[in-house]
Each structure stands twice: as structure tokens, then as C-alpha cells.
Amino acid sequence: MISTDANGLSSQEAERRLAQFGRSEIVEREKPFLLKIASELWQLVPWMLEAAIFLQIAIGEQLEAAVIAALVLFNVALSYFQESKAQDPSVTKHRKVRN
């Protein structure tokens, strides 16, 4: 199936393989916004902070619970924007290579 000789594939064989297997491309799929946010919250440290929020509410400390919740939300926002900035150059580079 992959056998070739020293000269490479013939034009007919290349066309046949292109028709059979299609182009060799990486399909870019961006994760939905809510899935990105959920993945930031689905980790050990946010779980512990969320547990601390519930415990603070249970003992009547709403101000402390609100502060912890604000810190969790700030962390999620910061992580999201850092990840989106880090991915932009790789997407741009990939598009340059394709064209």
C-alpha cells in the first residue's frame, strides 16, 4: 500500500491515492467557548476552591465565599485569555504554511 521506488510515486498512483484517501490535511476544530470554560473548572484546585465556597456559605460567611468565587472566576478568565493568545501564533503559522 505504501510501497514506492526511488523515483517516488507516478502521477497515476498519486491521483489514485488522492482519490482513495483524500488530501493529507489537519482539520482545525476549535473547542466551543463553554467547553473551554468547563475544562478550566474541571481540575483539582478549582474543585477545592468550589468546596471552600460551599463550606463558607454553610457556616454563614458569605463575604469570604464571594471573594473565593471572584478569585475562581478571575483565574478562569485569565487562563482562557492566556490560552487564546498562545494559540493565535500557531494558527497563523499553520495558515501561512497551507497557503
C-alpha atoms as a PDB file:
ATOM      1  CA  MET A   1       0.000   0.000   0.000  1.00  0.00           C
ATOM      2  CA  ILE A   2       2.788   2.449   0.842  1.00  0.00           C
ATOM      3  CA  SER A   3       5.429   0.890  -1.413  1.00  0.00           C
ATOM      4  CA  THR A   4       7.280   3.247  -3.710  1.00  0.00           C
ATOM      5  CA  ASP A   5      10.527   3.134  -5.615  1.00  0.00           C
ATOM      6  CA  ALA A   6      13.478   5.533  -5.557  1.00  0.00           C
ATOM      7  CA  ASN A   7      11.740   7.880  -8.021  1.00  0.00           C
ATOM      8  CA  GLY A   8       8.627   8.319  -5.870  1.00  0.00           C
ATOM      9  CA  LEU A   9       5.045   7.848  -6.969  1.00  0.00           C
ATOM     10  CA  SER A  10       3.914   8.020 -10.546  1.00  0.00           C
ATOM     11  CA  SER A  11       1.312  10.628 -11.403  1.00  0.00           C
ATOM     12  CA  GLN A  12      -1.343   7.945 -11.874  1.00  0.00           C
ATOM     13  CA  GLU A  13      -0.561   6.356  -8.493  1.00  0.00           C
ATOM     14  CA  ALA A  14      -0.617   9.777  -6.786  1.00  0.00           C
ATOM     15  CA  GLU A  15      -4.022  10.549  -8.334  1.00  0.00           C
ATOM     16  CA  ARG A  16      -5.360   7.130  -7.337  1.00  0.00           C
ATOM     17  CA  ARG A  17      -4.229   7.590  -3.731  1.00  0.00           C
ATOM     18  CA  LEU A  18      -5.633  11.107  -3.648  1.00  0.00           C
ATOM     19  CA  ALA A  19      -8.988   9.779  -4.835  1.00  0.00           C
ATOM     20  CA  GLN A  20      -8.892   6.863  -2.381  1.00  0.00           C
ATOM     21  CA  PHE A  21      -7.563   8.579   0.764  1.00  0.00           C
ATOM     22  CA  GLY A  22      -8.144  12.280   0.122  1.00  0.00           C
ATOM     23  CA  ARG A  23      -5.805  15.134   0.917  1.00  0.00           C
ATOM     24  CA  SER A  24      -3.415  14.863   3.840  1.00  0.00           C
ATOM     25  CA  GLU A  25      -4.779  17.713   5.940  1.00  0.00           C
ATOM     26  CA  ILE A  26      -5.244  18.533   9.577  1.00  0.00           C
ATOM     27  CA  VAL A  27      -8.771  19.691  10.255  1.00  0.00           C
ATOM     28  CA  GLU A  28      -8.845  22.633  12.631  1.00  0.00           C
ATOM     29  CA  ARG A  29     -11.579  22.308  15.211  1.00  0.00           C
ATOM     30  CA  GLU A  30     -11.932  24.945  17.845  1.00  0.00           C
ATOM     31  CA  LYS A  31     -13.427  23.941  21.163  1.00  0.00           C
ATOM     32  CA  PRO A  32     -16.695  25.726  21.969  1.00  0.00           C
ATOM     33  CA  PHE A  33     -16.468  28.585  24.474  1.00  0.00           C
ATOM     34  CA  LEU A  34     -18.447  26.817  27.209  1.00  0.00           C
ATOM     35  CA  LEU A  35     -16.328  23.682  26.870  1.00  0.00           C
ATOM     36  CA  LYS A  36     -13.161  25.761  27.327  1.00  0.00           C
ATOM     37  CA  ILE A  37     -14.607  27.356  30.469  1.00  0.00           C
ATOM     38  CA  ALA A  38     -15.755  23.993  31.818  1.00  0.00           C
ATOM     39  CA  SER A  39     -12.310  22.488  31.245  1.00  0.00           C
ATOM     40  CA  GLU A  40     -10.777  25.280  33.328  1.00  0.00           C
ATOM     41  CA  LEU A  41     -13.158  24.468  36.185  1.00  0.00           C
ATOM     42  CA  TRP A  42     -12.713  20.691  35.889  1.00  0.00           C
ATOM     43  CA  GLN A  43      -9.396  20.484  37.736  1.00  0.00           C
ATOM     44  CA  LEU A  44      -8.280  19.743  41.280  1.00  0.00           C
ATOM     45  CA  VAL A  45      -7.570  23.282  42.511  1.00  0.00           C
ATOM     46  CA  PRO A  46     -10.869  24.760  41.298  1.00  0.00           C
ATOM     47  CA  TRP A  47     -12.676  21.806  42.915  1.00  0.00           C
ATOM     48  CA  MET A  48     -11.035  22.590  46.227  1.00  0.00           C
ATOM     49  CA  LEU A  49     -11.917  26.266  45.904  1.00  0.00           C
ATOM     50  CA  GLU A  50     -15.508  25.418  44.985  1.00  0.00           C
ATOM     51  CA  ALA A  51     -15.696  23.186  48.062  1.00  0.00           C
ATOM     52  CA  ALA A  52     -14.352  26.085  50.130  1.00  0.00           C
ATOM     53  CA  ILE A  53     -17.078  28.323  48.699  1.00  0.00           C
ATOM     54  CA  PHE A  54     -19.788  25.862  49.751  1.00  0.00           C
ATOM     55  CA  LEU A  55     -18.251  25.457  53.197  1.00  0.00           C
ATOM     56  CA  GLN A  56     -18.070  29.223  53.671  1.00  0.00           C
ATOM     57  CA  ILE A  57     -21.735  29.546  52.708  1.00  0.00           C
ATOM     58  CA  ALA A  58     -22.640  26.675  55.059  1.00  0.00           C
ATOM     59  CA  ILE A  59     -21.041  28.409  58.035  1.00  0.00           C
ATOM     60  CA  GLY A  60     -22.575  31.759  57.142  1.00  0.00           C
ATOM     61  CA  GLU A  61     -19.509  33.523  55.734  1.00  0.00           C
ATOM     62  CA  GLN A  62     -20.960  34.921  52.503  1.00  0.00           C
ATOM     63  CA  LEU A  63     -18.293  37.609  52.082  1.00  0.00           C
ATOM     64  CA  GLU A  64     -15.459  35.064  52.144  1.00  0.00           C
ATOM     65  CA  ALA A  65     -17.424  32.818  49.761  1.00  0.00           C
ATOM     66  CA  ALA A  66     -17.879  35.746  47.369  1.00  0.00           C
ATOM     67  CA  VAL A  67     -14.158  36.586  47.497  1.00  0.00           C
ATOM     68  CA  ILE A  68     -13.186  32.975  46.740  1.00  0.00           C
ATOM     69  CA  ALA A  69     -15.758  32.818  43.915  1.00  0.00           C
ATOM     70  CA  ALA A  70     -14.371  36.053  42.450  1.00  0.00           C
ATOM     71  CA  LEU A  71     -10.861  34.601  42.544  1.00  0.00           C
ATOM     72  CA  VAL A  72     -12.028  31.414  40.814  1.00  0.00           C
ATOM     73  CA  LEU A  73     -13.765  33.431  38.076  1.00  0.00           C
ATOM     74  CA  PHE A  74     -10.705  35.676  37.672  1.00  0.00           C
ATOM     75  CA  ASN A  75      -8.498  32.597  37.320  1.00  0.00           C
ATOM     76  CA  VAL A  76     -10.811  31.086  34.697  1.00  0.00           C
ATOM     77  CA  ALA A  77     -10.874  34.334  32.697  1.00  0.00           C
ATOM     78  CA  LEU A  78      -7.105  34.743  32.905  1.00  0.00           C
ATOM     79  CA  SER A  79      -6.479  31.132  31.842  1.00  0.00           C
ATOM     80  CA  TYR A  80      -8.922  31.455  28.939  1.00  0.00           C
ATOM     81  CA  PHE A  81      -7.301  34.608  27.580  1.00  0.00           C
ATOM     82  CA  GLN A  82      -3.775  33.256  28.020  1.00  0.00           C
ATOM     83  CA  GLU A  83      -4.697  30.081  26.154  1.00  0.00           C
ATOM     84  CA  SER A  84      -6.348  32.004  23.328  1.00  0.00           C
ATOM     85  CA  LYS A  85      -3.279  34.262  22.981  1.00  0.00           C
ATOM     86  CA  ALA A  86      -0.969  31.253  22.956  1.00  0.00           C
ATOM     87  CA  GLN A  87      -2.960  29.545  20.198  1.00  0.00           C
ATOM     88  CA  ASP A  88      -3.134  32.555  17.866  1.00  0.00           C
ATOM     89  CA  PRO A  89       0.502  32.336  16.639  1.00  0.00           C
ATOM     90  CA  SER A  90       0.237  28.600  15.948  1.00  0.00           C
ATOM     91  CA  VAL A  91      -2.968  29.098  13.934  1.00  0.00           C
ATOM     92  CA  THR A  92      -1.381  31.946  11.973  1.00  0.00           C
ATOM     93  CA  LYS A  93       1.729  29.864  11.287  1.00  0.00           C
ATOM     94  CA  HIS A  94      -0.389  26.895  10.155  1.00  0.00           C
ATOM     95  CA  ARG A  95      -2.358  29.107   7.763  1.00  0.00           C
ATOM     96  CA  LYS A  96       0.864  30.531   6.292  1.00  0.00           C
ATOM     97  CA  VAL A  97       2.181  27.021   5.659  1.00  0.00           C
ATOM     98  CA  ARG A  98      -1.071  25.984   3.956  1.00  0.00           C
ATOM     99  CA  ASN A  99      -1.018  28.962   1.573  1.00  0.00           C
END
